[in-house]
Amino acid sequence: MPVYQLTKALLFPDPERANPRGLLAVGGDLSAERLVLAYRLGIFPWYGPGEPILWWSPPKRCIVEPTRFHASRSLQRVVRQGRFTVTFDKAFRQVIRACAETRIAQGEGTWITPEMIDAYCALHEAGFAHSAEAWWEGQLAGGIYGISFGRAFFGESMFTQVTNGSKVAFFSLAQRLAEWEFSLIDCQITNPHLMRLGAYEITRREFLRRLNEALQFPTRRGKWD
């Protein structure tokens, strides 16, 4: 299957036309308008430093249903003990920068380039991107950020600097989304850590169907604090 070259036109090809790895298109920009369109179509950008912008729609999609988030007994105990203070949308730029810096410090590559940070911070200012933060003794200990449309949340990345920091933030986010009757948290790519938290894989076609259902509801736009 071909990989499509995007132009300045605000258009994407059908997500089902992605190649077997899930790569759909290359090029375009990271404007808020294009990112909003992409996520609503089930498409997301993912590329490394020095590469052109790559747009993906994987054949398998990893999701978590907020009501089925699996909190281990040890995590439930940490939450009950109140060791962390959790906030929403209080430190979005700090969270996204920490996600990038933590991966680099661990010797891993990161797709969260300065260009990506600026783009998602613009989405945050527009009321579409959100973060959950876990604080330990007044310091940012962990967090997660992503995009929200309708009753779907698209998780982008999370980090921890204190044991259980990211899990507490994710757990608190899932609880809030469950209260708001969100139907899914998109985790994009499967990994063992997410599976332990209750994630599972569905086909792209099933994901797009569920996404379309979630988009029938109004978007909770604005700060979630």
N, C-alpha and C. Protein backbone atom coordinates (compact mmCIF):
# COMPACT_ATOMS: atom_id res chain seq x y z
N MET A 1 0.84 -1.19 0.00
CA MET A 1 0.00 0.00 0.00
C MET A 1 0.88 1.25 0.00
N PRO A 2 0.44 2.32 -0.69
CA PRO A 2 1.25 3.54 -0.73
C PRO A 2 1.19 4.30 0.58
N VAL A 3 2.23 5.09 0.85
CA VAL A 3 2.22 6.03 1.96
C VAL A 3 1.95 7.40 1.35
N TYR A 4 0.96 8.09 1.83
CA TYR A 4 0.49 9.31 1.21
C TYR A 4 1.32 10.52 1.63
N GLN A 5 1.58 11.38 0.67
CA GLN A 5 2.29 12.64 0.92
C GLN A 5 1.24 13.72 1.15
N LEU A 6 1.25 14.31 2.36
CA LEU A 6 0.29 15.36 2.66
C LEU A 6 0.73 16.68 2.04
N THR A 7 -0.23 17.52 1.73
CA THR A 7 0.03 18.86 1.22
C THR A 7 -0.45 19.87 2.28
N LYS A 8 -0.55 21.12 1.90
CA LYS A 8 -1.05 22.12 2.82
C LYS A 8 -2.55 21.97 3.07
N ALA A 9 -3.23 21.25 2.19
CA ALA A 9 -4.66 21.03 2.36
C ALA A 9 -4.92 20.25 3.65
N LEU A 10 -5.98 20.63 4.34
CA LEU A 10 -6.30 19.99 5.62
C LEU A 10 -7.09 18.72 5.37
N LEU A 11 -6.37 17.69 4.91
CA LEU A 11 -6.99 16.43 4.53
C LEU A 11 -6.11 15.26 4.95
N PHE A 12 -6.75 14.11 5.23
CA PHE A 12 -6.05 12.86 5.46
C PHE A 12 -6.72 11.77 4.63
N PRO A 13 -5.95 10.79 4.16
CA PRO A 13 -6.58 9.63 3.51
C PRO A 13 -7.31 8.78 4.54
N ASP A 14 -8.13 7.87 4.05
CA ASP A 14 -8.86 6.94 4.90
C ASP A 14 -7.86 6.17 5.78
N PRO A 15 -8.06 6.13 7.10
CA PRO A 15 -7.13 5.39 7.98
C PRO A 15 -6.94 3.93 7.59
N GLU A 16 -7.96 3.35 6.98
CA GLU A 16 -7.86 1.95 6.58
C GLU A 16 -6.85 1.74 5.45
N ARG A 17 -6.37 2.82 4.85
CA ARG A 17 -5.40 2.72 3.77
C ARG A 17 -3.95 2.72 4.26
N ALA A 18 -3.75 2.66 5.57
CA ALA A 18 -2.39 2.60 6.13
C ALA A 18 -1.69 1.33 5.66
N ASN A 19 -0.36 1.37 5.61
CA ASN A 19 0.37 0.17 5.19
C ASN A 19 0.35 -0.87 6.31
N PRO A 20 0.87 -2.08 6.08
CA PRO A 20 0.76 -3.14 7.10
C PRO A 20 1.32 -2.77 8.47
N ARG A 21 2.29 -1.86 8.54
CA ARG A 21 2.83 -1.42 9.84
C ARG A 21 1.97 -0.35 10.49
N GLY A 22 1.05 0.23 9.72
CA GLY A 22 0.19 1.27 10.26
C GLY A 22 0.55 2.67 9.81
N LEU A 23 1.62 2.82 9.00
CA LEU A 23 2.01 4.13 8.50
C LEU A 23 1.04 4.55 7.40
N LEU A 24 0.47 5.73 7.56
CA LEU A 24 -0.56 6.20 6.63
C LEU A 24 -0.07 7.32 5.73
N ALA A 25 0.62 8.31 6.29
CA ALA A 25 0.97 9.50 5.52
C ALA A 25 2.23 10.13 6.08
N VAL A 26 2.83 11.01 5.28
CA VAL A 26 4.03 11.74 5.67
C VAL A 26 3.86 13.19 5.29
N GLY A 27 4.42 14.09 6.11
CA GLY A 27 4.39 15.50 5.77
C GLY A 27 3.31 16.26 6.51
N GLY A 28 2.88 17.37 5.92
CA GLY A 28 1.90 18.21 6.59
C GLY A 28 2.55 19.05 7.68
N ASP A 29 1.79 19.32 8.73
CA ASP A 29 2.29 20.15 9.82
C ASP A 29 1.65 19.70 11.12
N LEU A 30 2.02 20.38 12.21
CA LEU A 30 1.47 20.06 13.52
C LEU A 30 0.56 21.19 14.02
N SER A 31 -0.13 21.82 13.10
CA SER A 31 -1.07 22.87 13.50
C SER A 31 -2.19 22.26 14.33
N ALA A 32 -2.80 23.08 15.18
CA ALA A 32 -3.90 22.59 16.02
C ALA A 32 -5.02 22.03 15.16
N GLU A 33 -5.31 22.70 14.03
CA GLU A 33 -6.40 22.25 13.18
C GLU A 33 -6.13 20.85 12.60
N ARG A 34 -4.87 20.61 12.19
CA ARG A 34 -4.55 19.30 11.62
C ARG A 34 -4.54 18.22 12.70
N LEU A 35 -4.02 18.55 13.87
CA LEU A 35 -4.00 17.56 14.95
C LEU A 35 -5.42 17.20 15.39
N VAL A 36 -6.29 18.19 15.49
CA VAL A 36 -7.68 17.91 15.86
C VAL A 36 -8.32 16.97 14.84
N LEU A 37 -8.15 17.26 13.57
CA LEU A 37 -8.70 16.40 12.52
C LEU A 37 -8.12 15.00 12.61
N ALA A 38 -6.80 14.89 12.78
CA ALA A 38 -6.15 13.59 12.83
C ALA A 38 -6.72 12.72 13.95
N TYR A 39 -6.77 13.26 15.17
CA TYR A 39 -7.23 12.45 16.29
C TYR A 39 -8.69 12.04 16.13
N ARG A 40 -9.49 12.92 15.59
CA ARG A 40 -10.90 12.58 15.39
C ARG A 40 -11.07 11.49 14.33
N LEU A 41 -10.06 11.31 13.48
CA LEU A 41 -10.08 10.25 12.48
C LEU A 41 -9.36 8.99 12.95
N GLY A 42 -8.81 9.03 14.17
CA GLY A 42 -8.08 7.87 14.68
C GLY A 42 -6.65 7.80 14.20
N ILE A 43 -6.07 8.95 13.86
CA ILE A 43 -4.71 9.04 13.33
C ILE A 43 -3.87 9.85 14.31
N PHE A 44 -2.59 9.51 14.46
CA PHE A 44 -1.72 10.28 15.35
C PHE A 44 -0.33 10.41 14.74
N PRO A 45 0.40 11.49 15.09
CA PRO A 45 1.77 11.67 14.60
C PRO A 45 2.77 10.96 15.52
N TRP A 46 3.80 10.38 14.91
CA TRP A 46 4.83 9.69 15.69
C TRP A 46 6.08 9.60 14.82
N TYR A 47 7.11 10.31 15.21
CA TYR A 47 8.33 10.33 14.41
C TYR A 47 9.49 10.78 15.29
N GLY A 48 10.69 10.55 14.83
CA GLY A 48 11.86 10.89 15.62
C GLY A 48 12.50 12.18 15.17
N PRO A 49 13.46 12.69 15.96
CA PRO A 49 14.17 13.93 15.59
C PRO A 49 14.84 13.78 14.22
N GLY A 50 14.70 14.80 13.39
CA GLY A 50 15.32 14.78 12.07
C GLY A 50 14.50 14.08 11.01
N GLU A 51 13.41 13.43 11.39
CA GLU A 51 12.54 12.76 10.43
C GLU A 51 11.39 13.68 10.02
N PRO A 52 10.79 13.44 8.85
CA PRO A 52 9.57 14.17 8.50
C PRO A 52 8.44 13.72 9.42
N ILE A 53 7.36 14.48 9.46
CA ILE A 53 6.21 14.10 10.29
C ILE A 53 5.57 12.85 9.69
N LEU A 54 5.41 11.83 10.51
CA LEU A 54 4.80 10.57 10.09
C LEU A 54 3.47 10.41 10.81
N TRP A 55 2.45 9.98 10.07
CA TRP A 55 1.10 9.83 10.62
C TRP A 55 0.70 8.37 10.59
N TRP A 56 0.14 7.87 11.70
CA TRP A 56 -0.08 6.44 11.89
C TRP A 56 -1.53 6.10 12.20
N SER A 57 -1.92 4.92 11.74
CA SER A 57 -3.19 4.31 12.12
C SER A 57 -2.94 2.81 12.18
N PRO A 58 -2.45 2.30 13.33
CA PRO A 58 -2.00 0.91 13.42
C PRO A 58 -3.13 -0.11 13.19
N PRO A 59 -2.79 -1.29 12.66
CA PRO A 59 -3.80 -2.32 12.44
C PRO A 59 -4.39 -2.86 13.74
N LYS A 60 -3.63 -2.78 14.83
CA LYS A 60 -4.12 -3.15 16.16
C LYS A 60 -3.99 -1.93 17.06
N ARG A 61 -5.00 -1.73 17.88
CA ARG A 61 -4.99 -0.56 18.74
C ARG A 61 -5.12 -0.99 20.19
N CYS A 62 -4.32 -0.43 21.06
CA CYS A 62 -4.34 -0.74 22.48
C CYS A 62 -5.24 0.27 23.19
N ILE A 63 -6.21 -0.22 23.94
CA ILE A 63 -7.12 0.68 24.66
C ILE A 63 -7.31 0.21 26.10
N VAL A 64 -7.73 1.15 26.93
CA VAL A 64 -8.18 0.86 28.29
C VAL A 64 -9.58 1.44 28.44
N GLU A 65 -10.49 0.65 28.95
CA GLU A 65 -11.81 1.19 29.30
C GLU A 65 -11.69 1.76 30.71
N PRO A 66 -12.06 3.03 30.90
CA PRO A 66 -11.86 3.66 32.22
C PRO A 66 -12.44 2.86 33.38
N THR A 67 -13.59 2.24 33.18
CA THR A 67 -14.21 1.48 34.28
C THR A 67 -13.51 0.15 34.53
N ARG A 68 -12.61 -0.24 33.62
CA ARG A 68 -11.91 -1.52 33.77
C ARG A 68 -10.41 -1.33 34.03
N PHE A 69 -10.03 -0.13 34.43
CA PHE A 69 -8.63 0.10 34.79
C PHE A 69 -8.29 -0.83 35.96
N HIS A 70 -7.18 -1.57 35.81
CA HIS A 70 -6.81 -2.53 36.86
C HIS A 70 -5.80 -1.91 37.81
N ALA A 71 -6.23 -1.66 39.02
CA ALA A 71 -5.33 -1.15 40.06
C ALA A 71 -4.96 -2.32 40.98
N SER A 72 -3.68 -2.63 41.04
CA SER A 72 -3.22 -3.71 41.91
C SER A 72 -3.49 -3.36 43.37
N ARG A 73 -3.40 -4.35 44.23
CA ARG A 73 -3.63 -4.10 45.66
C ARG A 73 -2.62 -3.09 46.21
N SER A 74 -1.39 -3.21 45.73
CA SER A 74 -0.37 -2.27 46.24
C SER A 74 -0.67 -0.85 45.78
N LEU A 75 -1.15 -0.68 44.54
CA LEU A 75 -1.50 0.65 44.05
C LEU A 75 -2.71 1.19 44.81
N GLN A 76 -3.70 0.35 45.05
CA GLN A 76 -4.86 0.78 45.82
C GLN A 76 -4.45 1.23 47.22
N ARG A 77 -3.48 0.53 47.80
CA ARG A 77 -3.01 0.89 49.14
C ARG A 77 -2.32 2.25 49.11
N VAL A 78 -1.50 2.48 48.09
CA VAL A 78 -0.82 3.77 47.96
C VAL A 78 -1.84 4.90 47.82
N VAL A 79 -2.87 4.67 47.01
CA VAL A 79 -3.90 5.69 46.81
C VAL A 79 -4.63 5.98 48.12
N ARG A 80 -5.00 4.91 48.86
CA ARG A 80 -5.71 5.09 50.13
C ARG A 80 -4.87 5.85 51.15
N GLN A 81 -3.57 5.60 51.13
CA GLN A 81 -2.68 6.25 52.10
C GLN A 81 -2.49 7.74 51.82
N GLY A 82 -2.91 8.18 50.63
CA GLY A 82 -2.82 9.60 50.31
C GLY A 82 -1.39 10.11 50.21
N ARG A 83 -0.49 9.27 49.76
CA ARG A 83 0.91 9.70 49.66
C ARG A 83 1.12 10.77 48.60
N PHE A 84 0.27 10.76 47.58
CA PHE A 84 0.39 11.71 46.49
C PHE A 84 -0.81 12.65 46.47
N THR A 85 -0.58 13.87 46.02
CA THR A 85 -1.65 14.80 45.70
C THR A 85 -1.80 14.81 44.18
N VAL A 86 -3.03 14.65 43.69
CA VAL A 86 -3.26 14.60 42.25
C VAL A 86 -4.01 15.85 41.80
N THR A 87 -3.55 16.44 40.70
CA THR A 87 -4.21 17.60 40.10
C THR A 87 -4.41 17.33 38.62
N PHE A 88 -5.22 18.17 38.00
CA PHE A 88 -5.45 18.08 36.56
C PHE A 88 -5.18 19.44 35.91
N ASP A 89 -4.43 19.41 34.82
CA ASP A 89 -4.16 20.62 34.03
C ASP A 89 -3.48 21.73 34.82
N LYS A 90 -2.75 21.38 35.85
CA LYS A 90 -2.02 22.37 36.64
C LYS A 90 -0.61 22.60 36.10
N ALA A 91 -0.05 21.58 35.43
CA ALA A 91 1.36 21.69 35.00
C ALA A 91 1.56 20.94 33.69
N PHE A 92 0.75 21.28 32.68
CA PHE A 92 0.78 20.53 31.42
C PHE A 92 2.17 20.56 30.79
N ARG A 93 2.74 21.75 30.63
CA ARG A 93 4.05 21.83 29.98
C ARG A 93 5.11 21.08 30.78
N GLN A 94 5.05 21.15 32.10
CA GLN A 94 5.99 20.40 32.92
C GLN A 94 5.87 18.90 32.67
N VAL A 95 4.64 18.41 32.55
CA VAL A 95 4.43 16.98 32.34
C VAL A 95 4.98 16.54 31.00
N ILE A 96 4.64 17.25 29.93
CA ILE A 96 5.09 16.82 28.62
C ILE A 96 6.61 16.91 28.50
N ARG A 97 7.22 17.94 29.10
CA ARG A 97 8.67 18.05 29.07
C ARG A 97 9.31 16.92 29.89
N ALA A 98 8.70 16.58 31.03
CA ALA A 98 9.23 15.50 31.86
C ALA A 98 9.13 14.16 31.15
N CYS A 99 8.07 13.97 30.37
CA CYS A 99 7.95 12.72 29.60
C CYS A 99 9.11 12.58 28.63
N ALA A 100 9.47 13.67 27.96
CA ALA A 100 10.58 13.64 27.02
C ALA A 100 11.91 13.46 27.75
N GLU A 101 12.14 14.25 28.79
CA GLU A 101 13.42 14.23 29.50
C GLU A 101 13.67 12.90 30.20
N THR A 102 12.61 12.27 30.72
CA THR A 102 12.78 10.99 31.41
C THR A 102 13.22 9.91 30.43
N ARG A 103 12.63 9.90 29.24
CA ARG A 103 13.02 8.90 28.23
C ARG A 103 14.48 9.11 27.81
N ILE A 104 14.88 10.36 27.63
CA ILE A 104 16.26 10.65 27.23
C ILE A 104 17.23 10.24 28.34
N ALA A 105 16.86 10.53 29.59
CA ALA A 105 17.72 10.19 30.73
C ALA A 105 17.89 8.68 30.87
N GLN A 106 16.89 7.92 30.43
CA GLN A 106 16.94 6.46 30.50
C GLN A 106 17.62 5.85 29.28
N GLY A 107 18.12 6.70 28.40
CA GLY A 107 18.83 6.22 27.22
C GLY A 107 17.92 5.78 26.10
N GLU A 108 16.66 6.20 26.16
CA GLU A 108 15.70 5.85 25.12
C GLU A 108 15.50 7.04 24.19
N GLY A 109 15.10 6.75 22.97
CA GLY A 109 14.77 7.84 22.05
C GLY A 109 13.41 8.43 22.42
N THR A 110 13.12 9.59 21.89
CA THR A 110 11.81 10.19 22.16
C THR A 110 11.28 10.88 20.91
N TRP A 111 9.98 10.75 20.71
CA TRP A 111 9.29 11.45 19.64
C TRP A 111 8.81 12.82 20.11
N ILE A 112 8.99 13.11 21.41
CA ILE A 112 8.46 14.36 21.97
C ILE A 112 9.51 15.44 21.78
N THR A 113 9.60 15.91 20.55
CA THR A 113 10.56 16.94 20.16
C THR A 113 10.06 18.31 20.62
N PRO A 114 10.93 19.34 20.61
CA PRO A 114 10.45 20.69 20.95
C PRO A 114 9.26 21.13 20.11
N GLU A 115 9.26 20.72 18.83
CA GLU A 115 8.14 21.05 17.94
C GLU A 115 6.85 20.39 18.43
N MET A 116 6.95 19.14 18.85
CA MET A 116 5.79 18.43 19.38
C MET A 116 5.32 19.06 20.69
N ILE A 117 6.25 19.43 21.55
CA ILE A 117 5.89 20.05 22.82
C ILE A 117 5.09 21.33 22.58
N ASP A 118 5.58 22.16 21.67
CA ASP A 118 4.87 23.42 21.38
C ASP A 118 3.48 23.14 20.79
N ALA A 119 3.39 22.14 19.92
CA ALA A 119 2.11 21.83 19.28
C ALA A 119 1.08 21.36 20.29
N TYR A 120 1.49 20.49 21.22
CA TYR A 120 0.53 19.96 22.19
C TYR A 120 0.21 20.98 23.28
N CYS A 121 1.16 21.85 23.57
CA CYS A 121 0.85 22.94 24.51
C CYS A 121 -0.17 23.89 23.88
N ALA A 122 -0.10 24.09 22.56
CA ALA A 122 -1.11 24.91 21.88
C ALA A 122 -2.48 24.23 21.97
N LEU A 123 -2.51 22.90 21.84
CA LEU A 123 -3.77 22.18 21.99
C LEU A 123 -4.29 22.28 23.41
N HIS A 124 -3.38 22.30 24.37
CA HIS A 124 -3.78 22.48 25.76
C HIS A 124 -4.41 23.85 25.96
N GLU A 125 -3.79 24.87 25.41
CA GLU A 125 -4.34 26.22 25.54
C GLU A 125 -5.69 26.32 24.84
N ALA A 126 -5.89 25.52 23.80
CA ALA A 126 -7.16 25.52 23.08
C ALA A 126 -8.23 24.70 23.81
N GLY A 127 -7.81 23.98 24.88
CA GLY A 127 -8.77 23.24 25.68
C GLY A 127 -8.97 21.79 25.29
N PHE A 128 -8.10 21.25 24.40
CA PHE A 128 -8.26 19.87 23.94
C PHE A 128 -7.26 18.90 24.58
N ALA A 129 -6.13 19.40 25.04
CA ALA A 129 -5.10 18.54 25.63
C ALA A 129 -5.08 18.73 27.14
N HIS A 130 -4.88 17.62 27.85
CA HIS A 130 -5.01 17.64 29.31
C HIS A 130 -3.91 16.80 29.96
N SER A 131 -3.66 17.10 31.22
CA SER A 131 -2.67 16.34 31.99
C SER A 131 -3.21 16.02 33.36
N ALA A 132 -2.75 14.90 33.89
CA ALA A 132 -2.98 14.56 35.30
C ALA A 132 -1.62 14.50 35.96
N GLU A 133 -1.49 15.16 37.11
CA GLU A 133 -0.19 15.26 37.77
C GLU A 133 -0.25 14.66 39.17
N ALA A 134 0.76 13.89 39.52
CA ALA A 134 0.91 13.37 40.88
C ALA A 134 2.07 14.10 41.55
N TRP A 135 1.80 14.66 42.72
CA TRP A 135 2.80 15.46 43.44
C TRP A 135 3.21 14.75 44.72
N TRP A 136 4.51 14.82 45.03
CA TRP A 136 5.07 14.22 46.24
C TRP A 136 5.86 15.29 46.97
N GLU A 137 5.41 15.65 48.15
CA GLU A 137 6.08 16.69 48.95
C GLU A 137 6.29 17.96 48.13
N GLY A 138 5.27 18.34 47.37
CA GLY A 138 5.31 19.58 46.61
C GLY A 138 6.04 19.52 45.29
N GLN A 139 6.62 18.35 44.95
CA GLN A 139 7.35 18.20 43.71
C GLN A 139 6.59 17.29 42.75
N LEU A 140 6.70 17.58 41.46
CA LEU A 140 6.05 16.76 40.45
C LEU A 140 6.70 15.38 40.41
N ALA A 141 5.93 14.35 40.75
CA ALA A 141 6.48 13.00 40.89
C ALA A 141 6.10 12.08 39.75
N GLY A 142 5.10 12.44 38.97
CA GLY A 142 4.64 11.61 37.87
C GLY A 142 3.48 12.28 37.17
N GLY A 143 3.19 11.82 35.96
CA GLY A 143 2.08 12.43 35.25
C GLY A 143 1.80 11.75 33.93
N ILE A 144 0.69 12.13 33.33
CA ILE A 144 0.26 11.60 32.04
C ILE A 144 -0.41 12.74 31.29
N TYR A 145 -0.28 12.75 29.97
CA TYR A 145 -0.97 13.77 29.18
C TYR A 145 -1.58 13.15 27.94
N GLY A 146 -2.55 13.84 27.38
CA GLY A 146 -3.19 13.33 26.17
C GLY A 146 -4.22 14.32 25.64
N ILE A 147 -5.02 13.86 24.69
CA ILE A 147 -6.00 14.67 23.99
C ILE A 147 -7.39 14.09 24.26
N SER A 148 -8.39 14.96 24.30
CA SER A 148 -9.75 14.49 24.56
C SER A 148 -10.73 15.06 23.56
N PHE A 149 -11.54 14.17 22.96
CA PHE A 149 -12.65 14.56 22.11
C PHE A 149 -13.84 13.67 22.43
N GLY A 150 -15.01 14.27 22.56
CA GLY A 150 -16.18 13.47 22.89
C GLY A 150 -15.94 12.71 24.18
N ARG A 151 -16.20 11.42 24.17
CA ARG A 151 -15.94 10.57 25.32
C ARG A 151 -14.77 9.63 25.06
N ALA A 152 -13.78 10.13 24.32
CA ALA A 152 -12.55 9.38 24.07
C ALA A 152 -11.37 10.21 24.56
N PHE A 153 -10.43 9.54 25.22
CA PHE A 153 -9.19 10.19 25.64
C PHE A 153 -8.04 9.47 24.95
N PHE A 154 -7.16 10.24 24.32
CA PHE A 154 -6.02 9.68 23.59
C PHE A 154 -4.77 9.90 24.42
N GLY A 155 -4.33 8.87 25.13
CA GLY A 155 -3.15 8.98 25.96
C GLY A 155 -1.90 9.07 25.11
N GLU A 156 -1.03 10.02 25.41
CA GLU A 156 0.18 10.21 24.63
C GLU A 156 1.42 9.66 25.32
N SER A 157 1.65 10.02 26.55
CA SER A 157 2.84 9.54 27.25
C SER A 157 2.68 9.80 28.74
N MET A 158 3.46 9.09 29.54
CA MET A 158 3.48 9.33 30.98
C MET A 158 4.89 9.11 31.49
N PHE A 159 5.14 9.62 32.68
CA PHE A 159 6.47 9.51 33.27
C PHE A 159 6.32 9.37 34.78
N THR A 160 7.38 8.89 35.41
CA THR A 160 7.42 8.85 36.87
C THR A 160 8.82 9.18 37.35
N GLN A 161 8.91 9.92 38.45
CA GLN A 161 10.19 10.20 39.10
C GLN A 161 10.21 9.66 40.52
N VAL A 162 9.04 9.29 41.01
CA VAL A 162 8.89 8.64 42.31
C VAL A 162 8.05 7.39 42.08
N THR A 163 8.44 6.27 42.68
CA THR A 163 7.72 5.01 42.47
C THR A 163 6.22 5.19 42.61
N ASN A 164 5.49 4.70 41.62
CA ASN A 164 4.02 4.74 41.55
C ASN A 164 3.46 6.10 41.13
N GLY A 165 4.33 7.08 40.87
CA GLY A 165 3.84 8.40 40.49
C GLY A 165 2.96 8.38 39.26
N SER A 166 3.43 7.75 38.18
CA SER A 166 2.65 7.72 36.94
C SER A 166 1.40 6.87 37.10
N LYS A 167 1.50 5.77 37.87
CA LYS A 167 0.33 4.90 38.05
C LYS A 167 -0.77 5.63 38.81
N VAL A 168 -0.41 6.40 39.82
CA VAL A 168 -1.41 7.16 40.58
C VAL A 168 -2.07 8.20 39.68
N ALA A 169 -1.28 8.86 38.84
CA ALA A 169 -1.85 9.85 37.92
C ALA A 169 -2.79 9.18 36.93
N PHE A 170 -2.38 8.04 36.37
CA PHE A 170 -3.20 7.31 35.39
C PHE A 170 -4.47 6.80 36.07
N PHE A 171 -4.34 6.24 37.26
CA PHE A 171 -5.50 5.74 38.00
C PHE A 171 -6.50 6.87 38.25
N SER A 172 -6.01 8.02 38.68
CA SER A 172 -6.89 9.16 38.96
C SER A 172 -7.56 9.67 37.70
N LEU A 173 -6.82 9.68 36.59
CA LEU A 173 -7.40 10.07 35.31
C LEU A 173 -8.51 9.10 34.91
N ALA A 174 -8.24 7.79 35.02
CA ALA A 174 -9.24 6.79 34.66
C ALA A 174 -10.50 6.94 35.51
N GLN A 175 -10.33 7.22 36.80
CA GLN A 175 -11.48 7.42 37.67
C GLN A 175 -12.32 8.60 37.21
N ARG A 176 -11.67 9.69 36.90
CA ARG A 176 -12.41 10.88 36.45
C ARG A 176 -13.13 10.60 35.13
N LEU A 177 -12.46 9.93 34.21
CA LEU A 177 -13.08 9.63 32.92
C LEU A 177 -14.25 8.67 33.09
N ALA A 178 -14.13 7.74 34.02
CA ALA A 178 -15.24 6.83 34.30
C ALA A 178 -16.45 7.60 34.83
N GLU A 179 -16.20 8.56 35.72
CA GLU A 179 -17.29 9.38 36.26
C GLU A 179 -17.98 10.16 35.14
N TRP A 180 -17.22 10.57 34.14
CA TRP A 180 -17.78 11.32 33.02
C TRP A 180 -18.29 10.41 31.91
N GLU A 181 -18.27 9.10 32.14
CA GLU A 181 -18.79 8.09 31.21
C GLU A 181 -18.01 8.05 29.89
N PHE A 182 -16.71 8.29 29.96
CA PHE A 182 -15.87 8.08 28.79
C PHE A 182 -15.83 6.59 28.48
N SER A 183 -15.78 6.26 27.20
CA SER A 183 -15.82 4.85 26.82
C SER A 183 -14.45 4.24 26.59
N LEU A 184 -13.44 5.06 26.29
CA LEU A 184 -12.13 4.47 26.02
C LEU A 184 -11.00 5.46 26.25
N ILE A 185 -9.86 4.89 26.60
CA ILE A 185 -8.58 5.59 26.62
C ILE A 185 -7.70 4.92 25.57
N ASP A 186 -7.34 5.65 24.55
CA ASP A 186 -6.49 5.11 23.49
C ASP A 186 -5.04 5.13 23.96
N CYS A 187 -4.42 3.96 23.98
CA CYS A 187 -3.01 3.86 24.40
C CYS A 187 -2.10 3.63 23.20
N GLN A 188 -2.67 3.59 22.00
CA GLN A 188 -1.94 3.49 20.74
C GLN A 188 -1.24 2.14 20.58
N ILE A 189 -0.08 1.98 21.20
CA ILE A 189 0.75 0.79 21.00
C ILE A 189 0.79 -0.04 22.29
N THR A 190 0.62 -1.35 22.16
CA THR A 190 0.59 -2.23 23.32
C THR A 190 1.98 -2.40 23.93
N ASN A 191 2.03 -2.44 25.26
CA ASN A 191 3.25 -2.87 25.96
C ASN A 191 2.85 -3.57 27.25
N PRO A 192 3.73 -4.36 27.83
CA PRO A 192 3.38 -5.16 29.02
C PRO A 192 2.88 -4.32 30.19
N HIS A 193 3.47 -3.13 30.38
CA HIS A 193 3.06 -2.26 31.49
C HIS A 193 1.58 -1.89 31.36
N LEU A 194 1.17 -1.51 30.16
CA LEU A 194 -0.23 -1.14 29.94
C LEU A 194 -1.16 -2.33 30.12
N MET A 195 -0.71 -3.50 29.68
CA MET A 195 -1.54 -4.71 29.83
C MET A 195 -1.82 -5.00 31.30
N ARG A 196 -0.84 -4.75 32.15
CA ARG A 196 -1.04 -4.99 33.59
C ARG A 196 -2.04 -4.00 34.19
N LEU A 197 -2.26 -2.88 33.50
CA LEU A 197 -3.20 -1.88 34.00
C LEU A 197 -4.60 -2.06 33.40
N GLY A 198 -4.77 -3.13 32.65
CA GLY A 198 -6.10 -3.43 32.11
C GLY A 198 -6.27 -3.16 30.62
N ALA A 199 -5.20 -2.82 29.92
CA ALA A 199 -5.29 -2.54 28.49
C ALA A 199 -5.44 -3.84 27.70
N TYR A 200 -6.03 -3.72 26.53
CA TYR A 200 -6.13 -4.85 25.62
C TYR A 200 -6.20 -4.34 24.19
N GLU A 201 -5.97 -5.24 23.23
CA GLU A 201 -5.91 -4.86 21.82
C GLU A 201 -7.24 -5.09 21.12
N ILE A 202 -7.57 -4.18 20.20
CA ILE A 202 -8.69 -4.38 19.30
C ILE A 202 -8.22 -4.06 17.88
N THR A 203 -8.98 -4.45 16.89
CA THR A 203 -8.60 -4.15 15.52
C THR A 203 -8.82 -2.67 15.21
N ARG A 204 -8.17 -2.20 14.18
CA ARG A 204 -8.37 -0.81 13.76
C ARG A 204 -9.83 -0.55 13.45
N ARG A 205 -10.47 -1.47 12.76
CA ARG A 205 -11.87 -1.26 12.39
C ARG A 205 -12.75 -1.13 13.62
N GLU A 206 -12.52 -1.97 14.64
CA GLU A 206 -13.29 -1.90 15.88
C GLU A 206 -12.98 -0.59 16.62
N PHE A 207 -11.71 -0.19 16.61
CA PHE A 207 -11.35 1.06 17.26
C PHE A 207 -12.06 2.23 16.60
N LEU A 208 -12.06 2.28 15.28
CA LEU A 208 -12.71 3.39 14.58
C LEU A 208 -14.21 3.40 14.84
N ARG A 209 -14.79 2.22 14.97
CA ARG A 209 -16.22 2.15 15.28
C ARG A 209 -16.50 2.72 16.67
N ARG A 210 -15.69 2.31 17.65
CA ARG A 210 -15.88 2.81 19.01
C ARG A 210 -15.58 4.30 19.10
N LEU A 211 -14.57 4.73 18.36
CA LEU A 211 -14.24 6.15 18.36
C LEU A 211 -15.40 6.97 17.80
N ASN A 212 -15.98 6.50 16.72
CA ASN A 212 -17.10 7.22 16.13
C ASN A 212 -18.26 7.35 17.13
N GLU A 213 -18.51 6.30 17.90
CA GLU A 213 -19.56 6.35 18.92
C GLU A 213 -19.21 7.38 19.99
N ALA A 214 -17.94 7.39 20.41
CA ALA A 214 -17.52 8.32 21.47
C ALA A 214 -17.61 9.77 21.02
N LEU A 215 -17.42 10.01 19.72
CA LEU A 215 -17.43 11.37 19.20
C LEU A 215 -18.83 11.94 19.04
N GLN A 216 -19.84 11.13 19.30
CA GLN A 216 -21.22 11.63 19.22
C GLN A 216 -21.57 12.50 20.42
N PHE A 217 -20.71 12.52 21.42
CA PHE A 217 -20.96 13.29 22.64
C PHE A 217 -20.15 14.58 22.64
N PRO A 218 -20.60 15.60 23.36
CA PRO A 218 -19.87 16.86 23.42
C PRO A 218 -18.48 16.68 24.02
N THR A 219 -17.55 17.51 23.59
CA THR A 219 -16.19 17.50 24.13
C THR A 219 -16.11 18.38 25.37
N ARG A 220 -15.48 17.85 26.42
CA ARG A 220 -15.25 18.64 27.65
C ARG A 220 -14.04 19.53 27.42
N ARG A 221 -14.28 20.62 26.75
CA ARG A 221 -13.18 21.51 26.35
C ARG A 221 -12.87 22.50 27.48
N GLY A 222 -11.59 22.79 27.67
CA GLY A 222 -11.19 23.71 28.72
C GLY A 222 -10.41 23.01 29.80
N LYS A 223 -9.98 23.75 30.79
CA LYS A 223 -9.18 23.19 31.89
C LYS A 223 -10.02 22.23 32.73
N TRP A 224 -9.41 21.13 33.12
CA TRP A 224 -10.10 20.11 33.94
C TRP A 224 -9.80 20.27 35.42
N ASP A 225 -9.23 21.39 35.83
CA ASP A 225 -8.91 21.58 37.25
C ASP A 225 -10.11 22.10 38.01
